[in-house]
């Protein structure tokens, strides 16, 4: 498959395994796979994302390039404790 859909791939995992999972996702992205990831770990997910969508109460609150969202003060306030 060229599209991989993942729901909370880091849920319940130790930090070591979270790193392994996201390292593998980076490899898959570089290999040309399209990844659709739903993830509460906003820092890791947005760093990986070409495009991200930030939901609040089930509604799309913000969208844009992953690194741009990661730097957005509103995203930091909502999800990263900034």
N, C-alpha and C. Protein backbone atom coordinates (compact mmCIF):
# COMPACT_ATOMS: atom_id res chain seq x y z
N UNK A 1 0.83 -1.21 0.00
CA UNK A 1 0.00 0.00 0.00
C UNK A 1 0.87 1.26 0.00
N UNK A 2 0.38 2.30 -0.60
CA UNK A 2 1.09 3.57 -0.62
C UNK A 2 0.51 4.54 0.39
N UNK A 3 -0.63 4.22 0.98
CA UNK A 3 -1.25 5.05 2.01
C UNK A 3 -1.30 4.24 3.30
N UNK A 4 -0.75 4.81 4.35
CA UNK A 4 -0.78 4.17 5.66
C UNK A 4 -1.56 5.08 6.59
N UNK A 5 -2.60 4.54 7.24
CA UNK A 5 -3.40 5.32 8.18
C UNK A 5 -3.17 4.77 9.58
N UNK A 6 -2.80 5.65 10.51
CA UNK A 6 -2.49 5.24 11.88
C UNK A 6 -3.28 6.08 12.87
N UNK A 7 -3.85 5.41 13.85
CA UNK A 7 -4.60 6.09 14.91
C UNK A 7 -3.83 5.93 16.21
N UNK A 8 -3.27 7.03 16.70
CA UNK A 8 -2.54 7.05 17.98
C UNK A 8 -1.43 6.00 18.04
N UNK A 9 -0.49 6.04 17.10
CA UNK A 9 0.55 5.01 17.11
C UNK A 9 1.46 5.02 18.34
N UNK A 10 1.48 6.13 19.08
CA UNK A 10 2.36 6.18 20.26
C UNK A 10 1.62 5.94 21.57
N UNK A 11 0.32 5.74 21.51
CA UNK A 11 -0.49 5.61 22.72
C UNK A 11 0.00 4.45 23.60
N UNK A 12 0.31 4.76 24.84
CA UNK A 12 0.68 3.75 25.81
C UNK A 12 2.10 3.21 25.70
N UNK A 13 2.89 3.76 24.80
CA UNK A 13 4.25 3.25 24.61
C UNK A 13 5.26 4.05 25.43
N UNK A 14 6.35 3.40 25.76
CA UNK A 14 7.44 4.08 26.47
C UNK A 14 8.10 5.06 25.50
N UNK A 15 8.78 6.07 26.02
CA UNK A 15 9.46 7.04 25.15
C UNK A 15 10.41 6.37 24.14
N UNK A 16 11.07 5.31 24.55
CA UNK A 16 11.97 4.60 23.63
C UNK A 16 11.22 4.07 22.42
N UNK A 17 10.05 3.47 22.65
CA UNK A 17 9.28 2.91 21.54
C UNK A 17 8.60 3.99 20.72
N UNK A 18 8.23 5.09 21.35
CA UNK A 18 7.68 6.23 20.60
C UNK A 18 8.73 6.71 19.59
N UNK A 19 9.96 6.83 20.04
CA UNK A 19 11.04 7.25 19.14
C UNK A 19 11.20 6.26 18.00
N UNK A 20 11.16 4.97 18.30
CA UNK A 20 11.27 3.96 17.24
C UNK A 20 10.14 4.07 16.23
N UNK A 21 8.92 4.26 16.73
CA UNK A 21 7.76 4.39 15.83
C UNK A 21 7.92 5.60 14.92
N UNK A 22 8.26 6.75 15.48
CA UNK A 22 8.37 7.96 14.66
C UNK A 22 9.58 7.90 13.73
N UNK A 23 10.66 7.25 14.13
CA UNK A 23 11.78 7.04 13.21
C UNK A 23 11.34 6.21 12.01
N UNK A 24 10.53 5.19 12.25
CA UNK A 24 10.03 4.35 11.16
C UNK A 24 9.08 5.16 10.26
N UNK A 25 8.27 6.02 10.85
CA UNK A 25 7.38 6.86 10.04
C UNK A 25 8.18 7.80 9.14
N UNK A 26 9.27 8.35 9.66
CA UNK A 26 10.14 9.21 8.84
C UNK A 26 10.71 8.40 7.67
N UNK A 27 11.16 7.18 7.93
CA UNK A 27 11.67 6.31 6.86
C UNK A 27 10.60 6.07 5.81
N UNK A 28 9.38 5.79 6.26
CA UNK A 28 8.28 5.51 5.32
C UNK A 28 7.96 6.75 4.49
N UNK A 29 7.97 7.90 5.11
CA UNK A 29 7.71 9.15 4.39
C UNK A 29 8.78 9.36 3.32
N UNK A 30 10.03 9.16 3.68
CA UNK A 30 11.13 9.32 2.72
C UNK A 30 11.04 8.31 1.58
N UNK A 31 10.46 7.15 1.85
CA UNK A 31 10.30 6.12 0.82
C UNK A 31 9.11 6.39 -0.09
N UNK A 32 8.36 7.47 0.19
CA UNK A 32 7.27 7.85 -0.70
C UNK A 32 5.88 7.45 -0.25
N UNK A 33 5.76 6.89 0.94
CA UNK A 33 4.44 6.55 1.45
C UNK A 33 3.69 7.81 1.86
N UNK A 34 2.39 7.79 1.68
CA UNK A 34 1.53 8.82 2.22
C UNK A 34 1.06 8.34 3.58
N UNK A 35 1.22 9.18 4.59
CA UNK A 35 0.86 8.81 5.96
C UNK A 35 -0.27 9.70 6.44
N UNK A 36 -1.30 9.10 6.98
CA UNK A 36 -2.37 9.83 7.64
C UNK A 36 -2.33 9.39 9.10
N UNK A 37 -1.96 10.32 9.98
CA UNK A 37 -1.71 9.97 11.38
C UNK A 37 -2.59 10.83 12.28
N UNK A 38 -3.35 10.18 13.14
CA UNK A 38 -4.08 10.86 14.21
C UNK A 38 -3.26 10.62 15.47
N UNK A 39 -2.83 11.70 16.11
CA UNK A 39 -1.87 11.55 17.20
C UNK A 39 -2.01 12.68 18.21
N UNK A 40 -2.03 12.33 19.50
CA UNK A 40 -2.10 13.34 20.56
C UNK A 40 -0.74 13.96 20.83
N UNK A 41 0.33 13.29 20.46
CA UNK A 41 1.68 13.83 20.64
C UNK A 41 1.92 14.84 19.51
N UNK A 42 1.43 16.06 19.73
CA UNK A 42 1.45 17.09 18.68
C UNK A 42 2.86 17.42 18.23
N UNK A 43 3.79 17.46 19.15
CA UNK A 43 5.16 17.82 18.80
C UNK A 43 5.74 16.83 17.79
N UNK A 44 5.61 15.55 18.06
CA UNK A 44 6.16 14.53 17.16
C UNK A 44 5.40 14.50 15.83
N UNK A 45 4.07 14.56 15.91
CA UNK A 45 3.26 14.44 14.69
C UNK A 45 3.46 15.64 13.76
N UNK A 46 3.46 16.85 14.31
CA UNK A 46 3.59 18.03 13.47
C UNK A 46 5.00 18.17 12.90
N UNK A 47 6.00 17.70 13.62
CA UNK A 47 7.36 17.73 13.10
C UNK A 47 7.48 16.84 11.86
N UNK A 48 6.69 15.80 11.80
CA UNK A 48 6.70 14.84 10.69
C UNK A 48 5.80 15.29 9.53
N UNK A 49 4.78 16.07 9.83
CA UNK A 49 3.70 16.33 8.87
C UNK A 49 4.06 17.36 7.80
N UNK A 50 3.72 17.04 6.55
CA UNK A 50 3.75 18.06 5.50
C UNK A 50 2.57 19.01 5.71
N UNK A 51 1.46 18.44 6.14
CA UNK A 51 0.25 19.22 6.38
C UNK A 51 -0.39 18.69 7.65
N UNK A 52 -0.87 19.61 8.48
CA UNK A 52 -1.49 19.21 9.73
C UNK A 52 -2.83 19.88 9.94
N UNK A 53 -3.65 19.23 10.72
CA UNK A 53 -4.96 19.75 11.10
C UNK A 53 -5.07 19.64 12.61
N UNK A 54 -5.39 20.73 13.25
CA UNK A 54 -5.52 20.75 14.71
C UNK A 54 -7.00 20.82 15.04
N UNK A 55 -7.47 19.83 15.78
CA UNK A 55 -8.88 19.76 16.15
C UNK A 55 -9.06 20.21 17.59
N UNK A 56 -10.20 20.84 17.83
CA UNK A 56 -10.61 21.18 19.18
C UNK A 56 -12.09 20.85 19.29
N UNK A 57 -12.42 19.99 20.23
CA UNK A 57 -13.80 19.54 20.42
C UNK A 57 -14.39 18.98 19.13
N UNK A 58 -13.56 18.24 18.39
CA UNK A 58 -14.03 17.59 17.18
C UNK A 58 -14.15 18.47 15.96
N UNK A 59 -13.74 19.71 16.06
CA UNK A 59 -13.83 20.64 14.93
C UNK A 59 -12.43 21.10 14.52
N UNK A 60 -12.28 21.32 13.21
CA UNK A 60 -11.01 21.78 12.70
C UNK A 60 -10.77 23.22 13.17
N UNK A 61 -9.75 23.39 13.98
CA UNK A 61 -9.44 24.71 14.54
C UNK A 61 -8.38 25.43 13.71
N UNK A 62 -7.35 24.70 13.31
CA UNK A 62 -6.24 25.27 12.53
C UNK A 62 -5.76 24.24 11.53
N UNK A 63 -5.18 24.71 10.44
CA UNK A 63 -4.57 23.81 9.48
C UNK A 63 -3.43 24.53 8.78
N UNK A 64 -2.48 23.75 8.31
CA UNK A 64 -1.34 24.33 7.61
C UNK A 64 -0.18 23.35 7.59
N UNK A 65 0.97 23.82 7.10
CA UNK A 65 2.16 22.96 7.11
C UNK A 65 2.52 22.56 8.54
N UNK A 66 2.92 21.32 8.72
CA UNK A 66 3.24 20.81 10.06
C UNK A 66 4.21 21.69 10.84
N UNK A 67 5.38 22.02 10.25
CA UNK A 67 6.32 22.86 11.00
C UNK A 67 5.75 24.25 11.32
N UNK A 68 4.92 24.78 10.44
CA UNK A 68 4.28 26.07 10.71
C UNK A 68 3.32 25.99 11.88
N UNK A 69 2.55 24.92 11.93
CA UNK A 69 1.64 24.73 13.07
C UNK A 69 2.42 24.52 14.36
N UNK A 70 3.52 23.81 14.26
CA UNK A 70 4.35 23.56 15.44
C UNK A 70 4.87 24.87 16.04
N UNK A 71 5.11 25.85 15.19
CA UNK A 71 5.61 27.15 15.65
C UNK A 71 4.49 28.13 15.99
N UNK A 72 3.24 27.78 15.69
CA UNK A 72 2.10 28.68 15.91
C UNK A 72 1.83 28.85 17.40
N UNK A 73 1.78 30.08 17.91
CA UNK A 73 1.53 30.30 19.34
C UNK A 73 0.20 29.71 19.83
N UNK A 74 -0.81 29.71 18.98
CA UNK A 74 -2.11 29.15 19.38
C UNK A 74 -2.02 27.64 19.56
N UNK A 75 -1.30 26.97 18.69
CA UNK A 75 -1.11 25.52 18.83
C UNK A 75 -0.30 25.24 20.10
N UNK A 76 0.72 26.03 20.33
CA UNK A 76 1.51 25.85 21.55
C UNK A 76 0.64 26.01 22.79
N UNK A 77 -0.21 27.00 22.77
CA UNK A 77 -1.09 27.24 23.92
C UNK A 77 -2.06 26.08 24.12
N UNK A 78 -2.67 25.61 23.03
CA UNK A 78 -3.70 24.57 23.12
C UNK A 78 -3.13 23.19 23.44
N UNK A 79 -2.01 22.84 22.81
CA UNK A 79 -1.56 21.45 22.85
C UNK A 79 -0.20 21.23 23.48
N UNK A 80 0.62 22.25 23.50
CA UNK A 80 1.98 22.04 23.97
C UNK A 80 2.24 22.72 25.30
N UNK A 81 1.21 23.30 25.88
CA UNK A 81 1.35 23.92 27.19
C UNK A 81 2.08 25.24 27.18
N UNK A 82 2.15 25.89 25.99
CA UNK A 82 2.89 27.15 25.87
C UNK A 82 2.09 28.36 26.27
